[in-house]
Every structure is written in structure tokens, then in C-alpha cells.
Amino acid sequence: MIRSLVICGLSISLIGCANMVEVTPVYYDSTEEIKSDPFDPDGGFTLAETLFRSERYADALVEFVKVMEHDPSRVEARFGAGESFLALGKYHAAAKIYWDDEFNWPDDEAGDTLQIGRILSGIYTDRFENQASAIHDGMVLSTNDARLWNAKGQWHDRRAEWMDALVCYVTAMDIGERHSGTINNMGMSLMLQGRYEEALGKFSQAKYLSPKTEIYDNNLRMSQIMMGELRSALSDIDESRGADILNDAGFVAYQRGQIKQASKLYQKAIEISPVHHVKAQANLDLLRQEAGLDLKPAARSEATRTP
């Protein structure tokens, strides 16, 4: 940028010299204060809400944070940032907002919004021993929150209760205004059933609705890996992200009882990762232990689900 500006400046100077045009110098008064346009928090919040409704969650988050920085006490901006983090699958970041006991949360109608935010972020960060009970508590507060229906659908998926999960996702689609997260979760449900091609279609649809939400693209690539299209899945992304996706694919294979495939995927994640992939190594170590033990992989690399 600096180089192009310098070249343009030289070009103008040369033309001036060639035509012998007299230029009247303009002097800058260094005492004059340069003022930038003041930030409009109300306009920024309106923009953030518009971006969020358009499922541009990453862009919305940036604007909500700007409003928070301008006015840390603005509750609705905090809620907006929390919802954006949830939509992006950044559950620990969302939990930091909703579970911030040092913030002076109001006791009015915002209390239900806070409680549901705590339930959702708490479910995905293992703050509740009984997730079903936590989801039920959330639905007592609101039966029309699509995020809670998504959480309930995922709870059924973990128990291979596919039809019950589908009912929850369809309900979430019916009552929700934003559909990309629910469609993504439908794709994950299909993937866990081994219906990879159908899952790929769902992830493609979710990505189309919200192109900047990275987890949708990650899941799309993961479905390609499960279909044997490894080269295509890892194209155009860095090795660190590719290793995370391979680890998550190994997690899916493990959930489906495909132990050998899971082991190969974990090994591939460790192989291509630019730094030692701790989670893939832990998952691989568990698989190598004695057969017959009731073992679960350590963790996925990134969130694959959204509320």
C-alpha cells in the first residue's frame, strides 16, 4: 500500500515538472486537532443485530464487541456477543460472558435470557452433570428457543436415537429464524449414522447460508474424509486446521465403532500437524490400550455442533 502511494505521488510530480505548472504550496497547521468520527454505539448495535439475523455471525461478533468496549455495561451487547460465540461454536468464550459473576446482571426480564445462555454454554463446556435436566430447565423458561431444541436433538444423537433427534431438529427449524446451525446439526446426525453423502449436502447448505462460519466448512471437509476423499478435503487449508479436522473425523469413526479407521485418522492428524497434536495423540493412546475397556476418545479439536 505504501509503495503504490509513493509511486502515484512520483507520477504526479513528474507530470507537474514536465508541464512547468506552478503549484501553490499548502501548509499543514500542526496545531489543528485531527478528529475522527465518533463511534455511534446505537448504530453499531443495530448493525450487529442485522449481521446476526443475516447469519453473518463472525461479522456480528466484531460489532457487538465494539459496542461492549464503548459501553461495558450494555447488557444487550453482551448477550449479542454471547449468542454470536454460541453460533460460531466458541462455547468457552460464550461461557466466559454468560458465567461472568462480576458483571452486574439485571434482575428484570433479561434474567431468563441470561439463564438460557448459561444453560447452553454450560452444556457444551461440561458444566452440568445431568445435561438432560439442564435442557429441561431451559425449556421451562422457553419452549420456543430453537437452540434448546438443537441441544436436545444432540442429546438424542449421542444415544443413537435418530428419529427423536430429527423431531427436535425439525421443531427447531419450524420455530427458529436462523437455520444454518440446525441444518449443520442435521448433517452431524447423518454423519454419525454413516450417511456421509447426505451429511455433505447438509453441510454444503449450512455453509451457503453462513459462509464465514468455519465449523460448517470443517464439517463439510470431514464428511469428505469419511467418504475417502482425503486429498480434496485437505486442499486449500493449512496443516494445523487439517489436523484438527482429521482428529474430529477420527472421533466420528470411533463413535461408529470403526476403530481401525479412527486409529488411521488420528495417526494422520499427528503426522501432518505442524506441532504435536495433543488431542489426537491422547485419542490414539486410548485406542491402543487393552481391548474390552470402556474407553472414550479424549476430545474433539473444535466444536462440530451449534446451538
Protein backbone atom coordinates (compact mmCIF):
# COMPACT_ATOMS: atom_id res chain seq x y z
CA MET A 1 0.00 0.00 0.00
CA ILE A 2 2.80 2.45 0.92
CA ARG A 3 4.77 1.59 -2.21
CA SER A 4 1.80 2.17 -4.51
CA LEU A 5 1.10 5.51 -2.87
CA VAL A 6 4.71 6.62 -3.31
CA ILE A 7 4.65 5.63 -6.98
CA CYS A 8 1.46 7.57 -7.56
CA GLY A 9 2.98 10.58 -5.86
CA LEU A 10 6.06 10.44 -8.07
CA SER A 11 3.92 10.17 -11.16
CA ILE A 12 2.07 13.36 -10.29
CA SER A 13 5.31 15.21 -9.55
CA LEU A 14 6.88 14.23 -12.87
CA ILE A 15 3.87 15.40 -14.82
CA GLY A 16 3.97 18.69 -12.99
CA CYS A 17 7.64 19.20 -13.78
CA ALA A 18 7.24 18.35 -17.45
CA ASN A 19 4.47 20.89 -17.96
CA MET A 20 6.15 23.53 -15.75
CA VAL A 21 2.94 24.01 -13.76
CA GLU A 22 3.37 26.25 -10.76
CA VAL A 23 1.99 24.62 -7.66
CA THR A 24 0.89 26.73 -4.73
CA PRO A 25 2.16 25.04 -1.57
CA VAL A 26 -0.34 24.02 1.05
CA TYR A 27 0.90 24.23 4.62
CA TYR A 28 -0.46 22.00 7.37
CA ASP A 29 -1.15 23.59 10.69
CA SER A 30 0.19 21.08 13.20
CA THR A 31 -1.78 22.77 15.95
CA GLU A 32 -5.07 21.81 14.33
CA GLU A 33 -6.61 18.77 16.03
CA ILE A 34 -7.49 15.87 13.76
CA LYS A 35 -10.77 14.34 14.87
CA SER A 36 -12.17 11.01 13.75
CA ASP A 37 -15.86 10.35 13.53
CA PRO A 38 -17.14 9.35 16.99
CA PHE A 39 -18.39 5.79 17.36
CA ASP A 40 -22.16 5.53 17.44
CA PRO A 41 -22.98 2.67 19.84
CA ASP A 42 -26.65 2.57 18.88
CA GLY A 43 -25.80 2.41 15.20
CA GLY A 44 -23.15 -0.20 15.90
CA PHE A 45 -25.61 -2.32 17.84
CA THR A 46 -28.21 -2.07 15.06
CA LEU A 47 -25.58 -3.14 12.53
CA ALA A 48 -24.56 -6.07 14.74
CA GLU A 49 -28.16 -7.24 15.04
CA THR A 50 -28.63 -7.01 11.28
CA LEU A 51 -25.49 -9.04 10.64
CA PHE A 52 -26.55 -11.65 13.18
CA ARG A 53 -30.00 -12.02 11.63
CA SER A 54 -28.26 -12.48 8.28
CA GLU A 55 -26.27 -15.36 9.85
CA ARG A 56 -23.02 -13.43 9.45
CA TYR A 57 -22.03 -14.40 12.96
CA ALA A 58 -18.31 -13.57 12.79
CA ASP A 59 -19.03 -10.06 11.49
CA ALA A 60 -21.80 -9.58 14.05
CA LEU A 61 -19.45 -10.58 16.86
CA VAL A 62 -16.95 -7.89 15.84
CA GLU A 63 -19.65 -5.22 16.04
CA PHE A 64 -21.08 -6.46 19.34
CA VAL A 65 -17.59 -6.37 20.86
CA LYS A 66 -17.10 -2.79 19.64
CA VAL A 67 -20.28 -1.77 21.44
CA MET A 68 -19.16 -3.61 24.58
CA GLU A 69 -15.81 -1.85 24.51
CA HIS A 70 -17.55 1.51 24.19
CA ASP A 71 -20.07 0.74 26.94
CA PRO A 72 -19.12 -2.31 29.05
CA SER A 73 -22.39 -2.07 30.99
CA ARG A 74 -24.61 -2.53 27.93
CA VAL A 75 -26.32 -5.84 28.63
CA GLU A 76 -27.86 -6.44 25.20
CA ALA A 77 -24.43 -6.13 23.57
CA ARG A 78 -23.09 -8.78 25.95
CA PHE A 79 -25.99 -11.06 25.08
CA GLY A 80 -25.35 -10.44 21.39
CA ALA A 81 -21.68 -11.35 21.75
CA GLY A 82 -22.61 -14.45 23.73
CA GLU A 83 -25.10 -15.59 21.11
CA SER A 84 -22.54 -14.96 18.38
CA PHE A 85 -19.94 -17.07 20.17
CA LEU A 86 -22.52 -19.85 20.55
CA ALA A 87 -23.44 -19.68 16.87
CA LEU A 88 -19.75 -19.90 15.94
CA GLY A 89 -19.22 -22.90 18.22
CA LYS A 90 -16.91 -20.91 20.53
CA TYR A 91 -18.50 -22.30 23.65
CA HIS A 92 -15.80 -21.47 26.18
CA ALA A 93 -15.80 -17.85 25.02
CA ALA A 94 -19.59 -17.77 25.34
CA ALA A 95 -19.37 -19.25 28.84
CA LYS A 96 -16.97 -16.50 29.90
CA ILE A 97 -19.67 -13.98 29.07
CA TYR A 98 -22.71 -15.74 30.50
CA TRP A 99 -20.97 -17.01 33.65
CA ASP A 100 -19.27 -13.72 34.50
CA ASP A 101 -20.42 -13.25 38.09
CA GLU A 102 -18.50 -9.99 38.42
CA PHE A 103 -20.76 -8.28 35.89
CA ASN A 104 -23.80 -6.51 37.31
CA TRP A 105 -26.52 -8.53 35.60
CA PRO A 106 -30.03 -7.05 35.83
CA ASP A 107 -32.83 -8.81 37.68
CA ASP A 108 -35.55 -7.95 35.18
CA GLU A 109 -36.75 -9.85 32.12
CA ALA A 110 -33.14 -10.28 30.99
CA GLY A 111 -32.79 -12.92 33.70
CA ASP A 112 -34.35 -15.63 31.54
CA THR A 113 -32.05 -14.74 28.64
CA LEU A 114 -29.06 -14.98 30.94
CA GLN A 115 -30.17 -18.31 32.37
CA ILE A 116 -30.72 -19.85 28.92
CA GLY A 117 -27.33 -18.55 27.82
CA ARG A 118 -25.74 -20.17 30.85
CA ILE A 119 -27.54 -23.44 30.17
CA LEU A 120 -26.47 -23.55 26.52
CA SER A 121 -22.85 -22.57 27.12
CA GLY A 122 -22.74 -24.83 30.18
CA ILE A 123 -23.96 -27.86 28.24
CA TYR A 124 -21.21 -27.51 25.67
CA THR A 125 -18.48 -26.90 28.25
CA ASP A 126 -19.45 -29.79 30.56
CA ARG A 127 -20.67 -27.63 33.44
CA PHE A 128 -23.68 -29.88 34.08
CA GLU A 129 -23.55 -33.48 35.20
CA ASN A 130 -27.13 -34.03 34.00
CA GLN A 131 -27.45 -32.35 30.62
CA ALA A 132 -30.99 -33.61 30.05
CA SER A 133 -32.10 -31.91 33.25
CA ALA A 134 -30.36 -28.69 32.24
CA ILE A 135 -32.09 -28.71 28.84
CA HIS A 136 -35.43 -29.36 30.57
CA ASP A 137 -34.83 -26.38 32.86
CA GLY A 138 -34.19 -24.24 29.81
CA MET A 139 -37.39 -25.36 28.13
CA VAL A 140 -39.34 -24.49 31.27
CA LEU A 141 -38.17 -20.93 30.66
CA SER A 142 -38.88 -21.05 26.91
CA THR A 143 -40.25 -23.76 24.65
CA ASN A 144 -39.72 -21.53 21.61
CA ASP A 145 -35.94 -21.32 21.71
CA ALA A 146 -34.59 -23.22 18.70
CA ARG A 147 -31.18 -23.50 20.35
CA LEU A 148 -32.62 -25.61 23.17
CA TRP A 149 -34.32 -27.92 20.66
CA ASN A 150 -30.97 -28.26 18.89
CA ALA A 151 -29.31 -29.15 22.18
CA LYS A 152 -32.00 -31.75 22.86
CA GLY A 153 -31.53 -33.19 19.37
CA GLN A 154 -27.80 -33.59 20.00
CA TRP A 155 -28.57 -35.29 23.31
CA HIS A 156 -30.66 -37.87 21.40
CA ASP A 157 -27.92 -38.25 18.76
CA ARG A 158 -25.42 -39.24 21.44
CA ARG A 159 -27.77 -42.10 22.31
CA ALA A 160 -28.32 -43.10 18.67
CA GLU A 161 -31.98 -42.09 18.98
CA TRP A 162 -32.02 -40.81 15.44
CA MET A 163 -35.74 -40.26 14.94
CA ASP A 164 -36.11 -38.43 18.26
CA ALA A 165 -33.18 -36.23 17.26
CA LEU A 166 -34.75 -35.50 13.88
CA VAL A 167 -38.02 -34.44 15.53
CA CYS A 168 -36.07 -31.96 17.65
CA TYR A 169 -34.26 -30.52 14.62
CA VAL A 170 -37.47 -30.19 12.63
CA THR A 171 -39.04 -28.38 15.58
CA ALA A 172 -36.02 -26.07 15.74
CA MET A 173 -36.43 -25.34 12.01
CA ASP A 174 -40.11 -24.55 12.49
CA ILE A 175 -39.65 -22.07 15.35
CA GLY A 176 -36.20 -20.65 14.56
CA GLU A 177 -35.41 -17.63 12.41
CA ARG A 178 -31.87 -18.77 11.54
CA HIS A 179 -31.50 -22.23 10.09
CA SER A 180 -27.82 -22.80 9.28
CA GLY A 181 -26.98 -24.17 12.75
CA THR A 182 -29.88 -26.61 12.74
CA ILE A 183 -29.02 -27.80 9.23
CA ASN A 184 -25.42 -28.32 10.35
CA ASN A 185 -26.63 -30.43 13.28
CA MET A 186 -28.81 -32.49 10.94
CA GLY A 187 -25.65 -33.12 8.94
CA MET A 188 -23.77 -34.29 12.02
CA SER A 189 -26.64 -36.63 12.87
CA LEU A 190 -26.48 -38.11 9.38
CA MET A 191 -22.72 -38.47 9.60
CA LEU A 192 -22.97 -40.38 12.86
CA GLN A 193 -25.36 -42.73 11.06
CA GLY A 194 -22.81 -43.28 8.29
CA ARG A 195 -24.89 -41.38 5.75
CA TYR A 196 -21.96 -39.31 4.60
CA GLU A 197 -23.21 -38.15 1.21
CA GLU A 198 -26.45 -36.84 2.74
CA ALA A 199 -24.42 -35.19 5.50
CA LEU A 200 -22.26 -33.49 2.88
CA GLY A 201 -25.39 -31.99 1.35
CA LYS A 202 -26.49 -30.56 4.71
CA PHE A 203 -23.08 -29.07 5.44
CA SER A 204 -23.00 -27.51 1.97
CA GLN A 205 -26.38 -25.94 2.63
CA ALA A 206 -25.30 -24.62 6.03
CA LYS A 207 -22.13 -23.16 4.53
CA TYR A 208 -24.13 -21.48 1.79
CA LEU A 209 -26.36 -19.79 4.39
CA SER A 210 -23.41 -18.70 6.55
CA PRO A 211 -20.18 -18.76 4.52
CA LYS A 212 -17.94 -17.32 7.25
CA THR A 213 -18.90 -19.86 9.90
CA GLU A 214 -15.81 -22.07 9.78
CA ILE A 215 -17.24 -25.10 11.55
CA TYR A 216 -19.66 -25.67 8.66
CA ASP A 217 -16.76 -25.84 6.22
CA ASN A 218 -14.81 -28.05 8.64
CA ASN A 219 -17.72 -30.48 8.85
CA LEU A 220 -18.11 -30.47 5.08
CA ARG A 221 -14.46 -31.45 4.76
CA MET A 222 -14.87 -34.07 7.48
CA SER A 223 -17.68 -35.70 5.53
CA GLN A 224 -15.38 -35.82 2.50
CA ILE A 225 -12.75 -37.57 4.62
CA MET A 226 -15.29 -40.15 5.75
CA MET A 227 -16.16 -40.72 2.08
CA GLY A 228 -12.48 -41.38 1.30
CA GLU A 229 -11.82 -38.04 -0.40
CA LEU A 230 -8.87 -37.08 1.78
CA ARG A 231 -6.95 -35.02 -0.77
CA SER A 232 -9.96 -32.92 -1.67
CA ALA A 233 -10.88 -32.44 1.99
CA LEU A 234 -7.45 -31.09 2.95
CA SER A 235 -6.94 -28.85 -0.08
CA ASP A 236 -6.66 -25.08 0.37
CA ILE A 237 -6.34 -25.16 4.17
CA ASP A 238 -3.30 -25.05 6.44
CA GLU A 239 -1.91 -28.18 8.07
CA SER A 240 -2.96 -27.18 11.57
CA ARG A 241 -6.60 -26.89 10.63
CA GLY A 242 -6.39 -30.06 8.55
CA ALA A 243 -5.02 -31.95 11.55
CA ASP A 244 -7.93 -30.77 13.70
CA ILE A 245 -10.44 -31.93 11.10
CA LEU A 246 -8.71 -35.33 10.86
CA ASN A 247 -8.88 -35.67 14.64
CA ASP A 248 -12.60 -34.87 14.57
CA ALA A 249 -13.12 -37.39 11.77
CA GLY A 250 -11.37 -39.95 13.96
CA PHE A 251 -13.80 -39.09 16.73
CA VAL A 252 -16.74 -39.76 14.39
CA ALA A 253 -15.20 -43.07 13.26
CA TYR A 254 -14.75 -44.06 16.88
CA GLN A 255 -18.36 -43.22 17.67
CA ARG A 256 -19.39 -45.51 14.83
CA GLY A 257 -17.24 -48.35 16.15
CA GLN A 258 -14.74 -48.10 13.29
CA ILE A 259 -11.67 -48.46 15.48
CA LYS A 260 -9.09 -49.12 12.75
CA GLN A 261 -10.25 -46.15 10.71
CA ALA A 262 -10.24 -43.96 13.81
CA SER A 263 -6.68 -45.02 14.55
CA LYS A 264 -5.54 -44.19 11.00
CA LEU A 265 -7.19 -40.77 11.14
CA TYR A 266 -5.60 -39.93 14.48
CA GLN A 267 -2.20 -41.00 13.14
CA LYS A 268 -2.67 -38.86 10.04
CA ALA A 269 -3.60 -35.88 12.22
CA ILE A 270 -0.40 -36.30 14.22
CA GLU A 271 1.62 -36.76 11.03
CA ILE A 272 0.53 -33.54 9.29
CA SER A 273 0.20 -31.30 12.34
CA PRO A 274 2.96 -28.64 12.41
CA VAL A 275 3.12 -29.05 16.20
CA HIS A 276 2.45 -32.11 18.33
CA HIS A 277 -1.31 -32.71 18.26
CA VAL A 278 -2.02 -33.45 21.91
CA LYS A 279 -5.68 -34.43 21.50
CA ALA A 280 -5.07 -36.77 18.56
CA GLN A 281 -2.19 -38.39 20.47
CA ALA A 282 -4.38 -38.85 23.56
CA ASN A 283 -7.14 -40.36 21.43
CA LEU A 284 -4.70 -42.70 19.71
CA ASP A 285 -3.19 -43.79 23.03
CA LEU A 286 -6.65 -44.70 24.31
CA LEU A 287 -7.35 -46.81 21.25
CA ARG A 288 -4.08 -48.68 21.75
CA GLN A 289 -4.95 -49.77 25.26
CA GLU A 290 -6.28 -53.20 26.02
CA ALA A 291 -9.38 -54.28 24.14
CA GLY A 292 -12.54 -54.57 26.16
CA LEU A 293 -12.06 -51.41 28.19
CA ASP A 294 -14.88 -48.89 28.03
CA LEU A 295 -12.85 -46.03 26.61
CA LYS A 296 -13.82 -42.75 25.07
CA PRO A 297 -11.60 -40.50 22.97
CA ALA A 298 -10.24 -37.51 24.84
CA ALA A 299 -11.86 -34.71 22.89
CA ARG A 300 -12.65 -33.25 19.54
CA SER A 301 -10.40 -30.48 18.27
CA GLU A 302 -13.15 -27.97 17.59
CA ALA A 303 -16.87 -27.72 18.02
CA THR A 304 -18.77 -29.59 15.33
CA ARG A 305 -22.20 -28.60 16.58
CA THR A 306 -24.03 -25.34 17.04
CA PRO A 307 -26.99 -24.42 19.21
